[in-house]
Amino acid sequence: MKPVLYLIPSFDSSLGSTIKFSWLGNQPISNTLRIRNNITNVVVYEKSQTTMRLEHVLSSASGLINGTLYNISVKVTDSNGTDSEWSDQLLFYCYTTPTFEI
């Protein structure tokens, strides 16, 4: 069984984001998120977080660049130490938060 990523709205890479997903298996104890540049397919982020929550928190220091299209996938490690399959890839953009002036 593999986890399923929820739709990821565009976000400002300098602010970070929380990536959420669903999982129907044993109690998760960690997850690993892999992000690739969608044009070059080069891995730009791959880290694990120890948490039972079905989310992965990306900090502003994740190395993502605004104006770039990425593909993302996640896998879960359960309480038995078993890794899931990687989720299907999902696309998302990072964009700079607009500012408005009068």
C-alpha atoms as a PDB file:
ATOM      1  CA  MET A   1       0.000   0.000   0.000  1.00  0.00           C
ATOM      2  CA  LYS A   2       1.196   3.499  -0.711  1.00  0.00           C
ATOM      3  CA  PRO A   3       0.340   6.866   0.798  1.00  0.00           C
ATOM      4  CA  VAL A   4      -1.680   9.428  -1.169  1.00  0.00           C
ATOM      5  CA  LEU A   5      -0.604  13.076  -1.293  1.00  0.00           C
ATOM      6  CA  TYR A   6      -3.288  15.746  -0.972  1.00  0.00           C
ATOM      7  CA  LEU A   7      -3.375  18.561  -3.510  1.00  0.00           C
ATOM      8  CA  ILE A   8      -0.557  21.030  -2.805  1.00  0.00           C
ATOM      9  CA  PRO A   9      -1.435  24.664  -3.447  1.00  0.00           C
ATOM     10  CA  SER A  10       1.413  26.866  -4.672  1.00  0.00           C
ATOM     11  CA  PHE A  11       3.431  28.357  -1.821  1.00  0.00           C
ATOM     12  CA  ASP A  12       6.309  30.753  -1.252  1.00  0.00           C
ATOM     13  CA  SER A  13       9.477  28.715  -0.704  1.00  0.00           C
ATOM     14  CA  SER A  14      10.808  31.378   1.686  1.00  0.00           C
ATOM     15  CA  LEU A  15       7.827  30.671   3.986  1.00  0.00           C
ATOM     16  CA  GLY A  16       7.790  26.870   3.800  1.00  0.00           C
ATOM     17  CA  SER A  17       4.696  24.684   3.843  1.00  0.00           C
ATOM     18  CA  THR A  18       3.149  21.596   5.397  1.00  0.00           C
ATOM     19  CA  ILE A  19       2.625  18.717   2.974  1.00  0.00           C
ATOM     20  CA  LYS A  20      -0.289  16.471   3.967  1.00  0.00           C
ATOM     21  CA  PHE A  21      -1.107  12.936   2.864  1.00  0.00           C
ATOM     22  CA  SER A  22      -3.312   9.971   3.736  1.00  0.00           C
ATOM     23  CA  TRP A  23      -2.181   6.492   4.782  1.00  0.00           C
ATOM     24  CA  LEU A  24      -4.204   3.332   5.414  1.00  0.00           C
ATOM     25  CA  GLY A  25      -1.749   1.010   7.127  1.00  0.00           C
ATOM     26  CA  ASN A  26      -0.106   0.340  10.487  1.00  0.00           C
ATOM     27  CA  GLN A  27       0.694   3.280  12.773  1.00  0.00           C
ATOM     28  CA  PRO A  28       3.211   5.523  10.992  1.00  0.00           C
ATOM     29  CA  ILE A  29       6.364   6.465  12.895  1.00  0.00           C
ATOM     30  CA  SER A  30       8.094   8.505  10.197  1.00  0.00           C
ATOM     31  CA  ASN A  31       7.794   9.688   6.625  1.00  0.00           C
ATOM     32  CA  THR A  32      10.247  10.567   3.892  1.00  0.00           C
ATOM     33  CA  LEU A  33       9.527  13.294   1.366  1.00  0.00           C
ATOM     34  CA  ARG A  34      11.306  13.461  -1.992  1.00  0.00           C
ATOM     35  CA  ILE A  35      11.054  16.552  -4.196  1.00  0.00           C
ATOM     36  CA  ARG A  36      12.511  16.740  -7.702  1.00  0.00           C
ATOM     37  CA  ASN A  37      12.860  19.618 -10.134  1.00  0.00           C
ATOM     38  CA  ASN A  38      10.238  18.620 -12.712  1.00  0.00           C
ATOM     39  CA  ILE A  39      12.330  19.789 -15.691  1.00  0.00           C
ATOM     40  CA  THR A  40      15.681  18.168 -14.775  1.00  0.00           C
ATOM     41  CA  ASN A  41      14.301  15.401 -12.500  1.00  0.00           C
ATOM     42  CA  VAL A  42      17.172  16.164 -10.070  1.00  0.00           C
ATOM     43  CA  VAL A  43      16.331  15.491  -6.403  1.00  0.00           C
ATOM     44  CA  VAL A  44      16.408  18.850  -4.600  1.00  0.00           C
ATOM     45  CA  TYR A  45      14.996  17.660  -1.253  1.00  0.00           C
ATOM     46  CA  GLU A  46      14.837  14.262   0.416  1.00  0.00           C
ATOM     47  CA  LYS A  47      14.452  14.083   4.172  1.00  0.00           C
ATOM     48  CA  SER A  48      12.733  11.955   6.783  1.00  0.00           C
ATOM     49  CA  GLN A  49      10.773  13.262   9.752  1.00  0.00           C
ATOM     50  CA  THR A  50       9.912  11.199  12.805  1.00  0.00           C
ATOM     51  CA  THR A  51       6.234  11.825  13.469  1.00  0.00           C
ATOM     52  CA  MET A  52       2.959   9.939  13.690  1.00  0.00           C
ATOM     53  CA  ARG A  53       1.187  12.809  11.952  1.00  0.00           C
ATOM     54  CA  LEU A  54       0.309  12.385   8.297  1.00  0.00           C
ATOM     55  CA  GLU A  55       2.230  15.461   7.250  1.00  0.00           C
ATOM     56  CA  HIS A  56       5.756  16.617   6.440  1.00  0.00           C
ATOM     57  CA  VAL A  57       6.812  20.147   7.403  1.00  0.00           C
ATOM     58  CA  LEU A  58       9.008  21.953   4.878  1.00  0.00           C
ATOM     59  CA  SER A  59      10.967  24.807   6.420  1.00  0.00           C
ATOM     60  CA  SER A  60      11.977  27.939   4.572  1.00  0.00           C
ATOM     61  CA  ALA A  61      15.482  26.397   4.319  1.00  0.00           C
ATOM     62  CA  SER A  62      14.273  23.471   2.165  1.00  0.00           C
ATOM     63  CA  GLY A  63      16.291  24.660  -0.845  1.00  0.00           C
ATOM     64  CA  LEU A  64      13.249  25.138  -3.087  1.00  0.00           C
ATOM     65  CA  ILE A  65      13.278  28.089  -5.495  1.00  0.00           C
ATOM     66  CA  ASN A  66      10.294  30.288  -6.328  1.00  0.00           C
ATOM     67  CA  GLY A  67       9.133  30.158  -9.950  1.00  0.00           C
ATOM     68  CA  THR A  68       9.941  26.443 -10.278  1.00  0.00           C
ATOM     69  CA  LEU A  69       7.725  23.433 -10.996  1.00  0.00           C
ATOM     70  CA  TYR A  70       8.436  20.402  -8.796  1.00  0.00           C
ATOM     71  CA  ASN A  71       7.223  16.824  -8.517  1.00  0.00           C
ATOM     72  CA  ILE A  72       6.875  15.282  -5.094  1.00  0.00           C
ATOM     73  CA  SER A  73       6.360  11.858  -3.538  1.00  0.00           C
ATOM     74  CA  VAL A  74       6.239  10.482   0.001  1.00  0.00           C
ATOM     75  CA  LYS A  75       6.726   7.135   1.716  1.00  0.00           C
ATOM     76  CA  VAL A  76       5.806   6.056   5.251  1.00  0.00           C
ATOM     77  CA  THR A  77       7.684   3.881   7.738  1.00  0.00           C
ATOM     78  CA  ASP A  78       5.265   2.075  10.044  1.00  0.00           C
ATOM     79  CA  SER A  79       5.547   0.901  13.662  1.00  0.00           C
ATOM     80  CA  ASN A  80       6.952  -2.448  12.449  1.00  0.00           C
ATOM     81  CA  GLY A  81       9.801  -0.647  10.671  1.00  0.00           C
ATOM     82  CA  THR A  82       8.354  -1.466   7.246  1.00  0.00           C
ATOM     83  CA  ASP A  83       8.591   1.134   4.474  1.00  0.00           C
ATOM     84  CA  SER A  84       5.617   1.713   2.213  1.00  0.00           C
ATOM     85  CA  GLU A  85       5.878   2.143  -1.529  1.00  0.00           C
ATOM     86  CA  TRP A  86       6.494   5.692  -2.744  1.00  0.00           C
ATOM     87  CA  SER A  87       3.272   7.583  -3.419  1.00  0.00           C
ATOM     88  CA  ASP A  88       2.334   8.620  -6.921  1.00  0.00           C
ATOM     89  CA  GLN A  89       4.044  11.858  -7.881  1.00  0.00           C
ATOM     90  CA  LEU A  90       2.187  15.133  -7.642  1.00  0.00           C
ATOM     91  CA  LEU A  91       3.154  18.450  -9.251  1.00  0.00           C
ATOM     92  CA  PHE A  92       3.323  21.807  -7.489  1.00  0.00           C
ATOM     93  CA  TYR A  93       4.839  25.267  -7.985  1.00  0.00           C
ATOM     94  CA  CYS A  94       6.650  27.613  -5.638  1.00  0.00           C
ATOM     95  CA  TYR A  95       5.906  31.300  -6.228  1.00  0.00           C
ATOM     96  CA  THR A  96       6.883  34.484  -4.430  1.00  0.00           C
ATOM     97  CA  THR A  97       4.078  35.896  -2.311  1.00  0.00           C
ATOM     98  CA  PRO A  98       2.788  39.030  -4.084  1.00  0.00           C
ATOM     99  CA  THR A  99       2.891  42.396  -2.384  1.00  0.00           C
ATOM    100  CA  PHE A 100       0.367  45.131  -2.978  1.00  0.00           C
ATOM    101  CA  GLU A 101       1.028  48.840  -2.621  1.00  0.00           C
ATOM    102  CA  ILE A 102      -1.207  51.857  -2.955  1.00  0.00           C
END
